[in-house]
């Protein structure tokens, strides 16, 4: 049987647009074509989502397109500092950016 999930939290900090704009600014001086930048941002976002999800309780997932976290009904996220977790995931991905870039752009 599948666990019933629900939207546990919605917060502007979890917005795809907000996170994407941050990566776009981070990559602004990189000399990328728009296509390369878009590809790299997609890969960086996927990595941030994976790293962030790993910090959440089992069964919970960040859904950037809805600025929310979904998970099993009754899951309490009250003790989690969502903004700090997102910052931490972004910092970890930024450190791996050269490897992610190499994997998706071959440069």
Protein backbone atom coordinates (compact mmCIF):
# COMPACT_ATOMS: atom_id res chain seq x y z
CA UNK A 1 0.00 0.00 0.00
CA UNK A 2 1.19 3.51 -0.84
CA UNK A 3 1.49 6.11 1.91
CA UNK A 4 -0.83 9.06 1.50
CA UNK A 5 1.15 12.25 0.91
CA UNK A 6 0.22 15.86 1.28
CA UNK A 7 1.74 19.30 0.93
CA UNK A 8 3.51 19.83 4.24
CA UNK A 9 4.82 23.34 3.72
CA UNK A 10 4.70 26.06 1.09
CA UNK A 11 7.26 28.84 1.27
CA UNK A 12 8.59 31.38 -1.24
CA UNK A 13 12.12 30.34 -0.25
CA UNK A 14 11.36 27.03 -1.99
CA UNK A 15 10.46 28.68 -5.32
CA UNK A 16 12.02 27.30 -8.48
CA UNK A 17 12.22 30.82 -9.92
CA UNK A 18 14.03 32.15 -6.86
CA UNK A 19 16.58 29.33 -6.92
CA UNK A 20 17.02 29.52 -10.71
CA UNK A 21 17.67 33.27 -10.54
CA UNK A 22 20.35 32.63 -7.94
CA UNK A 23 22.11 30.14 -10.20
CA UNK A 24 21.72 32.46 -13.19
CA UNK A 25 23.47 35.26 -11.23
CA UNK A 26 26.13 32.81 -10.00
CA UNK A 27 26.90 31.80 -13.60
CA UNK A 28 26.57 35.28 -15.15
CA UNK A 29 30.27 35.84 -15.77
CA UNK A 30 31.01 32.30 -16.94
CA UNK A 31 30.99 32.95 -20.67
CA UNK A 32 28.25 30.39 -21.31
CA UNK A 33 25.87 30.47 -24.24
CA UNK A 34 22.21 30.69 -23.20
CA UNK A 35 21.77 27.02 -24.11
CA UNK A 36 24.78 25.98 -22.03
CA UNK A 37 23.63 28.13 -19.10
CA UNK A 38 20.12 26.61 -19.24
CA UNK A 39 21.51 23.07 -19.35
CA UNK A 40 23.86 23.75 -16.46
CA UNK A 41 21.14 25.42 -14.37
CA UNK A 42 18.88 22.39 -14.91
CA UNK A 43 21.66 20.09 -13.70
CA UNK A 44 22.50 22.30 -10.72
CA UNK A 45 18.83 22.50 -9.75
CA UNK A 46 18.47 18.73 -9.95
CA UNK A 47 21.51 18.35 -7.68
CA UNK A 48 20.17 20.90 -5.16
CA UNK A 49 16.81 19.14 -5.05
CA UNK A 50 18.51 15.78 -4.47
CA UNK A 51 20.77 17.17 -1.72
CA UNK A 52 17.87 19.00 -0.06
CA UNK A 53 15.63 15.93 -0.22
CA UNK A 54 18.36 13.92 1.50
CA UNK A 55 18.05 16.24 4.52
CA UNK A 56 14.29 15.75 4.82
CA UNK A 57 12.49 12.97 6.69
CA UNK A 58 11.88 9.75 4.75
CA UNK A 59 9.19 10.10 2.14
CA UNK A 60 9.43 13.89 1.91
CA UNK A 61 10.41 15.72 -1.27
CA UNK A 62 10.89 19.32 -2.36
CA UNK A 63 8.72 20.29 -5.34
CA UNK A 64 10.27 23.56 -6.59
CA UNK A 65 7.55 24.15 -9.19
CA UNK A 66 4.98 24.54 -6.39
CA UNK A 67 7.37 26.04 -3.79
CA UNK A 68 6.45 23.21 -1.47
CA UNK A 69 7.56 20.10 0.35
CA UNK A 70 5.33 17.07 0.11
CA UNK A 71 5.44 14.04 2.33
CA UNK A 72 3.48 11.53 4.34
CA UNK A 73 0.44 12.87 6.15
CA UNK A 74 1.34 13.77 9.73
CA UNK A 75 5.03 14.48 9.08
CA UNK A 76 6.23 17.36 11.26
CA UNK A 77 8.75 19.74 9.70
CA UNK A 78 8.57 22.15 12.63
CA UNK A 79 12.14 21.44 13.76
CA UNK A 80 13.65 21.98 10.33
CA UNK A 81 15.22 25.30 9.29
CA UNK A 82 14.17 25.13 5.64
CA UNK A 83 16.05 28.27 4.55
CA UNK A 84 19.29 27.05 6.15
CA UNK A 85 18.87 23.59 4.64
CA UNK A 86 18.38 25.11 1.20
CA UNK A 87 21.45 27.31 1.65
CA UNK A 88 23.47 24.29 2.72
CA UNK A 89 22.31 22.22 -0.27
CA UNK A 90 23.14 25.11 -2.62
CA UNK A 91 26.60 25.53 -1.09
CA UNK A 92 27.32 21.81 -1.45
CA UNK A 93 26.24 21.86 -5.09
CA UNK A 94 28.29 25.01 -5.79
CA UNK A 95 31.37 23.14 -4.56
CA UNK A 96 30.59 20.33 -7.03
CA UNK A 97 29.78 22.72 -9.90
CA UNK A 98 32.97 21.94 -11.85
CA UNK A 99 32.17 18.21 -11.83
CA UNK A 100 28.51 18.83 -12.70
CA UNK A 101 29.56 21.18 -15.51
CA UNK A 102 31.97 18.59 -16.85
CA UNK A 103 29.26 15.93 -16.79
CA UNK A 104 26.62 18.00 -18.61
CA UNK A 105 28.69 20.28 -20.85
CA UNK A 106 31.88 18.31 -21.25
CA UNK A 107 33.94 21.45 -20.54
